[in-house]
Amino acid sequence: MNQKNNRRITTPQSLNAYIKSICDIMRRSGRASALQYVPELTWMLFLRILDEREEEEAEEARALGISFSPSLEYPYRWRDWASPMGKKRLELQFGTLGAFMSFVNGDLIPYLRNLKSRPGATPRQKVISEVFSSTERTYIDTERNLLDILDKIDTLSLESMDETHMFPISQVYEGLLQKMGEKNNDGGQFFTPREVIRVMVRVIDPEIGKTIYDPCCGTGGFLAQAYQHMKAKAKTATDVEILKTRTFYGREKENLVYPIVLANLVLQEIDEPHIWHGNTLTGLETYGGLFSEAPPLFDVVLTNPPFGGKEGRDAQTQFAYKTASTQVLFLQHVMDSLKPGGRCGIVMDEGVLFRTNERAFVQTKRKLLSECNLWCIVSLPPKVFVNAGAASKTNLLFFTKGEPTEEVWYYDLSDLNITKKQPLTIAHLEEFFKLLPERAESERSWRVSAQEIAARNYDLKAVNPNRKAGEDTRTPQELLSVIESHTDEIRDAIALLRKGMT
């Protein structure tokens, strides 16, 4: 077994700093932007941690006296070709000039890309193959730079990363992809803050044996957090096996992000992440091999559809209520994907809640309240997504399919001042979790009947009737009167200032 490095990475900040040092080498190697170096970093880190995990699984199998079949054999394991003392690496380094790069580009990557086509390919081998679906070669410019990168990645291990503080892959990649979005690059994505995901998973509280689905899963944050939440409930080996192989399902369109979600979920210990690659709304499939055994309907949906997206006719024709709004189409898709009794937690832009001037918006919300029990809406602060490059005002909707809504319980956090340095935390929702079981009323919470919502043409926006905190209740006419009363004072003050300047 490879000798472990004693370096401890105990915070997201220390992991980010270490990964940044690797990215610095990539940037000087001709991979100048995050759009270029993120995919390289994905597959290298993936192979590093995968190799360590399979070493551990082999040791456990030996201890139990059972057989173990690794996903990769010599010379394609990380320990063979990438580790500084790997047998294949030493052979290539001290062989013909350029042999190492030739092996990586001409042998290793093609082999890994084609794993899914081998007879009897295992689910994990299919996942490995899909992680390399967008990788044709390494674009690191020199062998020396590539070896330096591999040496630094080799020091990372599951042992060296404190799992209580971070998600080893997703935390890194979400940060990098957010930066791409801030720089207005084509790869920019909006990602859900980790604390928002934790809140939503805690509210839905999925049980082992229930299927979890995210139709626009990004880097897999909802699925990964749901796994962590459910893992704590596992009592038997069967529970663990169900979690790892028959629980998590998702769809992702972006070629850049699809390999990342697979890498992330496998490294979270989800052996079979059933992720469909393609356009959820049009149904156009890029690769569906990992989704072939997915059920037609799901027990739980946890998701954050893209903000402000616009869809063409090819997507709209798939839905009962036609609209260009991506979020409204995803809301229809979510309702259609839930089993009777299935529960959903979804992030929704405020515009979807209050808009009543487009027929499809009203029809979709009417369907939501008639076919589902919309039992909670949380009005989030305006800048919750500021770190992801989005300033949209958002809400969390929670509903159960199969029974109509009688009343909606609202909880209002819209007055909180959220910034990049002071993000939303679980502490901001302590009262919410205390009030939630009884849907109790407070200064921040209230109830609205379904009849009242229908009477206002399905405007679902949270308007807190209980807020007292210094709101200006003066009418426009009263404000104009105040302004007029001070006109003479302002004119005199300006005259004095001008006189002093002459």
Protein backbone atom coordinates (compact mmCIF):
# COMPACT_ATOMS: atom_id res chain seq x y z
CA MET A 1 0.00 0.00 0.00
CA ASN A 2 1.18 3.51 -0.76
CA GLN A 3 2.84 5.32 2.08
CA LYS A 4 0.45 7.96 3.44
CA ASN A 5 1.38 11.58 3.67
CA ASN A 6 1.01 13.07 7.14
CA ARG A 7 -0.31 16.38 5.87
CA ARG A 8 -3.73 17.15 7.40
CA ILE A 9 -6.26 19.29 5.59
CA THR A 10 -8.82 20.23 8.21
CA THR A 11 -10.76 23.11 6.69
CA PRO A 12 -12.27 24.02 3.33
CA GLN A 13 -9.85 26.97 3.27
CA SER A 14 -6.78 24.73 3.56
CA LEU A 15 -8.11 22.41 0.86
CA ASN A 16 -8.80 25.38 -1.41
CA ALA A 17 -5.29 26.73 -0.82
CA TYR A 18 -3.74 23.37 -1.66
CA ILE A 19 -5.84 22.92 -4.79
CA LYS A 20 -4.99 26.48 -5.82
CA SER A 21 -1.29 25.56 -5.75
CA ILE A 22 -2.07 22.72 -8.18
CA CYS A 23 -4.11 25.07 -10.39
CA ASP A 24 -1.15 27.48 -10.44
CA ILE A 25 0.96 24.78 -12.08
CA MET A 26 -1.85 24.05 -14.54
CA ARG A 27 -2.11 27.73 -15.46
CA ARG A 28 1.60 27.95 -16.24
CA SER A 29 1.18 24.76 -18.27
CA GLY A 30 -1.08 26.32 -20.85
CA ARG A 31 -4.41 25.71 -19.06
CA ALA A 32 -5.01 29.39 -18.36
CA SER A 33 -8.71 29.48 -17.46
CA ALA A 34 -10.85 27.44 -15.10
CA LEU A 35 -12.77 26.22 -18.14
CA GLN A 36 -9.55 24.50 -19.20
CA TYR A 37 -8.06 23.21 -15.97
CA VAL A 38 -11.20 22.10 -14.09
CA PRO A 39 -11.75 19.01 -16.29
CA GLU A 40 -8.08 18.00 -15.91
CA LEU A 41 -8.25 18.40 -12.16
CA THR A 42 -11.48 16.37 -12.08
CA TRP A 43 -10.13 13.19 -13.56
CA MET A 44 -6.77 13.33 -11.80
CA LEU A 45 -8.27 13.79 -8.32
CA PHE A 46 -10.90 11.18 -9.11
CA LEU A 47 -8.34 8.54 -10.04
CA ARG A 48 -6.23 9.38 -6.98
CA ILE A 49 -9.03 8.94 -4.44
CA LEU A 50 -10.61 6.03 -6.33
CA ASP A 51 -7.34 4.11 -6.15
CA GLU A 52 -7.08 4.67 -2.42
CA ARG A 53 -10.67 3.58 -1.90
CA GLU A 54 -10.15 0.37 -3.88
CA GLU A 55 -7.02 -0.39 -1.87
CA GLU A 56 -9.09 -0.11 1.30
CA GLU A 57 -11.88 -2.26 -0.15
CA ALA A 58 -9.35 -4.93 -1.18
CA GLU A 59 -7.91 -4.98 2.35
CA GLU A 60 -11.38 -5.33 3.87
CA ALA A 61 -12.19 -8.19 1.47
CA ARG A 62 -8.96 -10.00 2.41
CA ALA A 63 -9.75 -9.62 6.10
CA LEU A 64 -13.20 -11.14 5.53
CA GLY A 65 -11.87 -13.87 3.26
CA ILE A 66 -13.98 -12.81 0.28
CA SER A 67 -13.01 -12.04 -3.28
CA PHE A 68 -12.60 -8.50 -4.61
CA SER A 69 -12.39 -7.45 -8.25
CA PRO A 70 -10.78 -4.01 -8.70
CA SER A 71 -12.14 -1.66 -11.33
CA LEU A 72 -8.65 -1.07 -12.73
CA GLU A 73 -5.69 -3.40 -13.11
CA TYR A 74 -1.97 -2.73 -13.66
CA PRO A 75 -0.77 -0.44 -15.22
CA TYR A 76 -3.89 1.78 -15.14
CA ARG A 77 -4.19 2.24 -11.37
CA TRP A 78 -3.00 5.55 -9.92
CA ARG A 79 -0.40 3.73 -7.80
CA ASP A 80 1.12 2.25 -10.98
CA TRP A 81 1.53 5.21 -13.34
CA ALA A 82 1.05 8.42 -11.28
CA SER A 83 2.56 7.87 -7.83
CA PRO A 84 6.24 8.94 -7.62
CA MET A 85 7.38 5.36 -6.88
CA GLY A 86 4.88 3.63 -9.17
CA LYS A 87 6.36 0.79 -11.19
CA LYS A 88 4.93 1.95 -14.53
CA ARG A 89 5.85 5.59 -13.88
CA LEU A 90 9.48 4.75 -13.13
CA GLU A 91 9.65 2.54 -16.21
CA LEU A 92 8.31 5.34 -18.42
CA GLN A 93 10.34 8.13 -16.82
CA PHE A 94 13.60 6.30 -17.32
CA GLY A 95 12.65 4.95 -20.74
CA THR A 96 12.36 6.68 -24.10
CA LEU A 97 12.02 10.47 -24.15
CA GLY A 98 8.34 11.37 -24.24
CA ALA A 99 7.22 7.87 -23.22
CA PHE A 100 5.27 9.10 -20.18
CA MET A 101 3.11 11.58 -22.13
CA SER A 102 2.61 9.00 -24.88
CA PHE A 103 1.31 6.50 -22.31
CA VAL A 104 -1.13 8.99 -20.76
CA ASN A 105 -2.55 10.23 -24.07
CA GLY A 106 -2.25 7.11 -26.20
CA ASP A 107 -2.96 4.32 -23.72
CA LEU A 108 -4.35 5.39 -20.32
CA ILE A 109 -7.07 7.87 -21.35
CA PRO A 110 -8.39 5.80 -24.33
CA TYR A 111 -8.49 2.71 -22.08
CA LEU A 112 -10.47 4.51 -19.38
CA ARG A 113 -12.86 6.14 -21.87
CA ASN A 114 -13.74 2.75 -23.35
CA LEU A 115 -14.20 0.82 -20.09
CA LYS A 116 -18.01 0.92 -20.39
CA SER A 117 -17.82 -0.97 -23.71
CA ARG A 118 -15.96 -3.95 -22.27
CA PRO A 119 -18.00 -7.17 -21.90
CA GLY A 120 -19.28 -7.47 -18.34
CA ALA A 121 -18.33 -3.89 -17.40
CA THR A 122 -19.31 -3.19 -13.78
CA PRO A 123 -21.39 -0.16 -12.76
CA ARG A 124 -18.27 1.49 -11.34
CA GLN A 125 -16.33 0.88 -14.55
CA LYS A 126 -19.16 2.52 -16.50
CA VAL A 127 -18.95 5.51 -14.17
CA ILE A 128 -15.17 5.73 -14.62
CA SER A 129 -15.68 5.66 -18.38
CA GLU A 130 -18.22 8.50 -18.19
CA VAL A 131 -15.92 10.60 -15.98
CA PHE A 132 -13.61 10.56 -19.03
CA SER A 133 -16.42 11.19 -21.52
CA SER A 134 -15.16 14.71 -22.27
CA THR A 135 -11.43 13.94 -21.95
CA GLU A 136 -9.50 13.01 -25.09
CA ARG A 137 -5.99 13.78 -23.81
CA THR A 138 -4.13 15.84 -21.25
CA TYR A 139 -3.36 19.35 -22.41
CA ILE A 140 -0.64 19.99 -19.82
CA ASP A 141 2.21 21.32 -21.97
CA THR A 142 5.25 19.42 -20.65
CA GLU A 143 6.00 16.14 -18.96
CA ARG A 144 7.73 17.97 -16.08
CA ASN A 145 4.67 20.08 -15.32
CA LEU A 146 2.42 17.03 -15.50
CA LEU A 147 4.65 15.11 -13.09
CA ASP A 148 4.69 18.07 -10.68
CA ILE A 149 0.88 18.14 -10.71
CA LEU A 150 0.66 14.38 -10.15
CA ASP A 151 3.13 14.58 -7.25
CA LYS A 152 1.04 17.22 -5.49
CA ILE A 153 -2.22 15.31 -6.05
CA ASP A 154 -0.57 12.13 -4.78
CA THR A 155 -0.16 13.73 -1.35
CA LEU A 156 -3.95 14.13 -1.10
CA SER A 157 -5.82 11.22 0.41
CA LEU A 158 -9.08 10.46 2.15
CA GLU A 159 -7.08 10.16 5.35
CA SER A 160 -5.61 13.65 4.94
CA MET A 161 -9.00 15.34 4.47
CA ASP A 162 -11.29 15.94 7.43
CA GLU A 163 -14.64 14.62 6.18
CA THR A 164 -16.59 16.41 8.91
CA HIS A 165 -15.67 19.77 7.39
CA MET A 166 -15.86 19.29 3.65
CA PHE A 167 -16.93 17.48 0.54
CA PRO A 168 -13.56 16.57 -0.99
CA ILE A 169 -14.50 17.16 -4.63
CA SER A 170 -17.71 19.17 -4.80
CA GLN A 171 -16.54 21.87 -2.40
CA VAL A 172 -13.50 22.51 -4.59
CA TYR A 173 -15.27 22.39 -7.93
CA GLU A 174 -18.27 24.44 -6.93
CA GLY A 175 -15.87 27.19 -5.86
CA LEU A 176 -13.97 27.02 -9.15
CA LEU A 177 -17.10 26.99 -11.28
CA GLN A 178 -18.58 29.90 -9.34
CA LYS A 179 -15.46 31.89 -10.20
CA MET A 180 -15.99 31.04 -13.86
CA GLY A 181 -19.49 32.45 -13.58
CA GLU A 182 -18.27 35.63 -11.92
CA LYS A 183 -15.86 36.17 -14.81
CA ASN A 184 -18.73 35.82 -17.31
CA ASN A 185 -17.21 32.76 -18.93
CA ASP A 186 -19.31 30.30 -20.89
CA GLY A 187 -18.89 27.74 -18.13
CA GLY A 188 -20.50 29.88 -15.44
CA GLN A 189 -23.07 28.03 -13.35
CA PHE A 190 -25.20 28.93 -10.36
CA PHE A 191 -24.68 26.58 -7.44
CA THR A 192 -26.71 26.13 -4.30
CA PRO A 193 -25.00 27.26 -1.08
CA ARG A 194 -24.18 24.28 1.11
CA GLU A 195 -26.20 25.61 4.06
CA VAL A 196 -29.33 25.91 1.91
CA ILE A 197 -28.89 22.29 0.81
CA ARG A 198 -28.50 21.15 4.42
CA VAL A 199 -31.68 22.97 5.44
CA MET A 200 -33.68 21.43 2.59
CA VAL A 201 -32.45 17.89 3.25
CA ARG A 202 -33.16 18.27 6.97
CA VAL A 203 -36.72 19.46 6.28
CA ILE A 204 -37.49 16.59 3.87
CA ASP A 205 -35.61 14.07 6.09
CA PRO A 206 -35.47 11.18 3.56
CA GLU A 207 -35.51 7.61 4.87
CA ILE A 208 -33.46 4.62 3.68
CA GLY A 209 -35.35 2.78 0.98
CA LYS A 210 -36.67 5.99 -0.60
CA THR A 211 -35.38 7.10 -4.01
CA ILE A 212 -33.85 10.59 -4.30
CA TYR A 213 -33.95 12.51 -7.60
CA ASP A 214 -32.49 15.81 -8.82
CA PRO A 215 -33.42 16.63 -12.43
CA CYS A 216 -30.72 19.32 -12.77
CA CYS A 217 -28.11 18.03 -10.36
CA GLY A 218 -25.05 20.18 -11.16
CA THR A 219 -22.09 18.84 -9.18
CA GLY A 220 -24.41 16.69 -7.08
CA GLY A 221 -24.69 18.76 -3.91
CA PHE A 222 -28.25 17.69 -3.06
CA LEU A 223 -27.58 14.01 -3.71
CA ALA A 224 -24.32 14.07 -1.75
CA GLN A 225 -25.91 15.80 1.25
CA ALA A 226 -28.90 13.46 1.17
CA TYR A 227 -26.46 10.51 1.25
CA GLN A 228 -24.65 11.95 4.28
CA HIS A 229 -27.99 12.52 6.04
CA MET A 230 -29.32 9.05 5.28
CA LYS A 231 -26.04 7.24 6.01
CA ALA A 232 -26.41 8.14 9.68
CA LYS A 233 -29.66 6.11 9.72
CA ALA A 234 -28.14 2.93 8.28
CA LYS A 235 -28.50 0.00 10.67
CA THR A 236 -27.57 -3.01 8.53
CA ALA A 237 -25.35 -3.99 5.62
CA THR A 238 -28.49 -4.13 3.49
CA ASP A 239 -29.26 -0.50 4.37
CA VAL A 240 -25.77 0.51 3.25
CA GLU A 241 -26.05 -1.49 0.02
CA ILE A 242 -29.40 0.15 -0.81
CA LEU A 243 -27.91 3.60 -0.21
CA LYS A 244 -24.86 2.96 -2.35
CA THR A 245 -26.59 1.33 -5.31
CA ARG A 246 -30.35 1.97 -5.54
CA THR A 247 -31.08 5.37 -4.04
CA PHE A 248 -29.62 8.34 -5.97
CA TYR A 249 -30.78 9.48 -9.40
CA GLY A 250 -30.17 12.66 -11.36
CA ARG A 251 -29.94 14.38 -14.71
CA GLU A 252 -27.35 16.85 -15.94
CA LYS A 253 -27.03 18.57 -19.31
CA GLU A 254 -23.66 20.34 -19.19
CA ASN A 255 -20.73 18.38 -20.63
CA LEU A 256 -18.37 20.21 -18.29
CA VAL A 257 -20.34 19.39 -15.14
CA TYR A 258 -21.50 15.82 -15.89
CA PRO A 259 -18.10 14.17 -15.24
CA ILE A 260 -17.76 16.22 -12.05
CA VAL A 261 -21.04 15.03 -10.54
CA LEU A 262 -20.09 11.42 -11.24
CA ALA A 263 -16.64 11.86 -9.70
CA ASN A 264 -18.10 13.61 -6.69
CA LEU A 265 -20.77 11.01 -5.93
CA VAL A 266 -18.44 8.03 -6.31
CA LEU A 267 -15.99 9.69 -3.95
CA GLN A 268 -18.87 10.25 -1.54
CA GLU A 269 -19.05 6.41 -1.45
CA ILE A 270 -22.13 6.20 -3.70
CA ASP A 271 -21.07 3.21 -5.80
CA GLU A 272 -23.83 3.57 -8.38
CA PRO A 273 -24.85 7.17 -9.06
CA HIS A 274 -27.61 6.88 -11.66
CA ILE A 275 -26.96 10.09 -13.58
CA TRP A 276 -28.52 10.64 -17.00
CA HIS A 277 -26.54 12.86 -19.36
CA GLY A 278 -28.74 15.02 -21.55
CA ASN A 279 -31.38 17.76 -21.63
CA THR A 280 -34.03 16.99 -19.01
CA LEU A 281 -36.62 19.31 -20.55
CA THR A 282 -36.34 18.20 -24.18
CA GLY A 283 -35.55 14.56 -23.40
CA LEU A 284 -32.56 14.65 -25.77
CA GLU A 285 -30.14 12.02 -24.43
CA THR A 286 -26.35 12.11 -24.63
CA TYR A 287 -25.76 8.97 -22.53
CA GLY A 288 -28.35 7.11 -20.50
CA GLY A 289 -26.49 3.94 -19.63
CA LEU A 290 -26.22 4.78 -15.92
CA PHE A 291 -29.95 5.59 -15.72
CA SER A 292 -31.30 2.47 -17.40
CA GLU A 293 -32.74 0.94 -14.21
CA ALA A 294 -34.21 4.18 -12.83
CA PRO A 295 -37.83 3.97 -11.62
CA PRO A 296 -40.48 5.95 -13.51
CA LEU A 297 -41.39 7.97 -10.39
CA PHE A 298 -39.43 8.97 -7.28
CA ASP A 299 -40.06 9.28 -3.53
CA VAL A 300 -38.11 12.51 -3.02
CA VAL A 301 -37.05 15.38 -5.29
CA LEU A 302 -34.43 17.87 -4.06
CA THR A 303 -33.40 20.43 -6.65
CA ASN A 304 -32.53 23.98 -7.68
CA PRO A 305 -33.55 24.65 -11.31
CA PRO A 306 -31.48 27.25 -13.22
CA PHE A 307 -32.57 30.86 -12.66
CA GLY A 308 -33.89 32.93 -15.54
CA GLY A 309 -33.39 30.34 -18.28
CA LYS A 310 -35.39 30.40 -21.52
CA GLU A 311 -36.47 27.28 -23.43
CA GLY A 312 -37.47 26.80 -27.07
CA ARG A 313 -40.35 24.89 -28.63
CA ASP A 314 -38.53 21.55 -28.44
CA ALA A 315 -38.70 21.74 -24.62
CA GLN A 316 -42.14 23.34 -24.37
CA THR A 317 -43.83 20.62 -26.42
CA GLN A 318 -43.03 18.11 -23.65
CA PHE A 319 -45.27 19.92 -21.13
CA ALA A 320 -48.95 20.63 -20.60
CA TYR A 321 -48.41 24.34 -19.91
CA LYS A 322 -46.25 26.03 -22.54
CA THR A 323 -43.77 28.69 -21.45
CA ALA A 324 -40.19 29.69 -22.18
CA SER A 325 -39.46 29.84 -18.41
CA THR A 326 -36.99 27.10 -17.46
CA GLN A 327 -38.05 27.15 -13.81
CA VAL A 328 -41.77 26.75 -14.58
CA LEU A 329 -41.06 23.81 -16.90
CA PHE A 330 -38.86 22.20 -14.25
CA LEU A 331 -41.63 22.66 -11.67
CA GLN A 332 -44.00 20.78 -14.00
CA HIS A 333 -41.36 18.09 -14.51
CA VAL A 334 -40.87 17.70 -10.76
CA MET A 335 -44.60 17.28 -10.10
CA ASP A 336 -44.81 14.71 -12.90
CA SER A 337 -41.78 12.83 -11.48
CA LEU A 338 -43.07 12.34 -7.93
CA LYS A 339 -44.85 9.25 -6.66
CA PRO A 340 -48.16 9.77 -4.85
CA GLY A 341 -47.04 10.70 -1.34
CA GLY A 342 -43.66 11.81 -2.67
CA ARG A 343 -42.08 14.94 -1.20
CA CYS A 344 -40.16 17.77 -2.79
CA GLY A 345 -37.86 20.58 -1.68
CA ILE A 346 -37.15 23.05 -4.50
CA VAL A 347 -35.45 26.45 -4.81
CA MET A 348 -37.64 28.86 -6.76
CA ASP A 349 -36.98 32.36 -8.06
CA GLU A 350 -39.43 34.89 -6.61
CA GLY A 351 -40.63 35.92 -10.06
CA VAL A 352 -42.26 32.50 -10.48
CA LEU A 353 -44.18 33.02 -7.23
CA PHE A 354 -45.68 36.44 -7.92
CA ARG A 355 -46.14 36.45 -11.69
CA THR A 356 -49.79 36.18 -12.67
CA ASN A 357 -49.62 37.82 -16.11
CA GLU A 358 -48.62 34.67 -18.01
CA ARG A 359 -51.06 31.83 -18.35
CA ALA A 360 -48.55 28.98 -17.92
CA PHE A 361 -47.31 30.45 -14.62
CA VAL A 362 -50.85 30.56 -13.21
CA GLN A 363 -51.75 27.12 -14.58
CA THR A 364 -48.63 25.53 -13.13
CA LYS A 365 -49.22 27.04 -9.69
CA ARG A 366 -52.89 26.01 -9.81
CA LYS A 367 -51.77 22.45 -10.59
CA LEU A 368 -49.29 22.62 -7.71
CA LEU A 369 -51.97 23.59 -5.18
CA SER A 370 -54.63 21.22 -6.52
CA GLU A 371 -52.45 18.10 -6.89
CA CYS A 372 -49.93 18.71 -4.09
CA ASN A 373 -49.96 19.92 -0.52
CA LEU A 374 -47.70 23.00 -0.60
CA TRP A 375 -47.11 23.03 3.14
CA CYS A 376 -44.21 25.47 3.46
CA ILE A 377 -42.58 28.42 1.70
CA VAL A 378 -39.40 29.96 3.11
CA SER A 379 -38.68 33.47 1.83
CA LEU A 380 -34.88 33.69 1.68
CA PRO A 381 -32.79 36.89 1.97
CA PRO A 382 -32.15 38.68 -1.35
CA LYS A 383 -28.44 37.84 -1.61
CA VAL A 384 -28.26 34.18 -0.56
CA PHE A 385 -26.82 33.30 -3.98
CA VAL A 386 -24.42 36.24 -4.16
CA ASN A 387 -21.36 33.95 -3.88
CA ALA A 388 -22.59 32.06 -6.93
CA GLY A 389 -22.78 35.25 -8.97
CA ALA A 390 -26.57 35.55 -8.75
CA ALA A 391 -28.56 38.25 -6.97
CA SER A 392 -32.01 36.72 -7.52
CA LYS A 393 -34.50 36.78 -4.65
CA THR A 394 -35.32 33.14 -3.96
CA ASN A 395 -37.68 30.96 -1.94
CA LEU A 396 -37.73 27.36 -0.76
CA LEU A 397 -40.91 25.44 -1.57
CA PHE A 398 -41.79 22.18 0.19
CA PHE A 399 -44.71 20.05 -0.95
CA THR A 400 -46.18 16.54 -0.94
CA LYS A 401 -47.88 15.05 -3.99
CA GLY A 402 -51.33 13.49 -3.85
CA GLU A 403 -53.44 15.79 -1.71
CA PRO A 404 -54.59 19.37 -2.34
CA THR A 405 -53.23 22.35 -0.44
CA GLU A 406 -55.47 23.70 2.32
CA GLU A 407 -53.10 26.36 3.59
CA VAL A 408 -49.48 27.42 3.12
CA TRP A 409 -47.23 28.13 6.09
CA TYR A 410 -44.75 30.93 5.32
CA TYR A 411 -41.49 31.72 7.07
CA ASP A 412 -39.79 35.03 6.27
CA LEU A 413 -36.03 35.66 6.29
CA SER A 414 -36.11 38.40 3.65
CA ASP A 415 -34.95 41.13 6.04
CA LEU A 416 -31.56 39.50 6.72
CA ASN A 417 -28.52 41.21 5.22
CA ILE A 418 -26.53 38.44 3.56
CA THR A 419 -23.12 39.21 2.03
CA LYS A 420 -20.20 37.27 0.61
CA LYS A 421 -18.41 37.53 3.96
CA GLN A 422 -21.57 36.88 6.01
CA PRO A 423 -23.47 34.08 4.22
CA LEU A 424 -26.67 32.42 5.36
CA THR A 425 -26.01 29.83 8.09
CA ILE A 426 -28.05 27.17 9.84
CA ALA A 427 -28.13 29.45 12.90
CA HIS A 428 -30.41 31.84 10.99
CA LEU A 429 -33.01 29.06 10.85
CA GLU A 430 -33.04 27.89 14.47
CA GLU A 431 -36.50 29.38 15.07
CA PHE A 432 -37.75 27.99 11.76
CA PHE A 433 -36.98 24.43 12.83
CA LYS A 434 -38.63 24.99 16.23
CA LEU A 435 -41.85 26.29 14.64
CA LEU A 436 -41.98 23.90 11.67
CA PRO A 437 -43.57 20.81 13.35
CA GLU A 438 -46.67 22.77 14.42
CA ARG A 439 -46.49 25.39 11.63
CA ALA A 440 -46.70 27.93 14.44
CA GLU A 441 -47.16 31.64 13.86
CA SER A 442 -44.62 34.26 14.93
CA GLU A 443 -43.24 37.60 13.83
CA ARG A 444 -41.60 35.76 10.94
CA SER A 445 -44.28 33.13 10.20
CA TRP A 446 -47.95 33.08 9.19
CA ARG A 447 -50.49 31.01 7.27
CA VAL A 448 -52.44 31.73 4.10
CA SER A 449 -55.39 29.61 2.94
CA ALA A 450 -55.52 28.05 -0.51
CA GLN A 451 -58.76 29.94 -1.16
CA GLU A 452 -57.03 33.27 -0.52
CA ILE A 453 -54.16 32.32 -2.85
CA ALA A 454 -56.65 31.31 -5.57
CA ALA A 455 -58.50 34.62 -5.10
CA ARG A 456 -55.33 36.56 -5.87
CA ASN A 457 -54.77 34.51 -9.06
CA TYR A 458 -52.14 32.23 -7.48
CA ASP A 459 -49.72 34.93 -6.39
CA LEU A 460 -47.59 32.95 -3.91
CA LYS A 461 -45.17 35.70 -2.92
CA ALA A 462 -44.45 35.94 0.82
CA VAL A 463 -45.85 39.20 2.21
CA ASN A 464 -45.30 39.17 5.97
CA PRO A 465 -48.33 40.63 7.80
CA ASN A 466 -46.56 40.42 11.18
CA ARG A 467 -43.38 42.38 10.56
CA LYS A 468 -43.02 45.39 12.84
CA ALA A 469 -39.38 46.31 12.43
CA GLY A 470 -39.51 49.99 11.50
CA GLU A 471 -41.25 49.69 8.17
CA ASP A 472 -42.16 52.99 6.47
CA THR A 473 -45.94 52.80 6.08
CA ARG A 474 -46.42 56.30 4.67
CA THR A 475 -48.30 56.62 1.39
CA PRO A 476 -46.67 58.21 -1.70
CA GLN A 477 -48.81 61.32 -1.13
CA GLU A 478 -47.55 61.62 2.46
CA LEU A 479 -43.95 61.25 1.30
CA LEU A 480 -44.44 63.98 -1.32
CA SER A 481 -45.79 66.29 1.36
CA VAL A 482 -42.71 65.67 3.51
CA ILE A 483 -40.43 66.41 0.56
CA GLU A 484 -42.31 69.64 -0.27
CA SER A 485 -42.16 70.79 3.36
CA HIS A 486 -38.38 70.65 3.26
CA THR A 487 -37.99 72.32 -0.14
CA ASP A 488 -37.39 75.79 1.29
CA GLU A 489 -34.81 74.45 3.78
CA ILE A 490 -32.95 72.65 1.01
CA ARG A 491 -32.99 75.75 -1.24
CA ASP A 492 -31.60 77.94 1.58
CA ALA A 493 -28.88 75.40 2.41
CA ILE A 494 -27.74 75.25 -1.24
CA ALA A 495 -27.66 79.06 -1.42
CA LEU A 496 -25.44 79.22 1.66
CA LEU A 497 -23.08 76.61 0.25
CA ARG A 498 -22.74 78.50 -3.04
CA LYS A 499 -22.13 81.76 -1.20
CA GLY A 500 -19.33 80.13 0.77
CA MET A 501 -17.69 78.92 -2.44
CA THR A 502 -17.46 82.40 -3.98
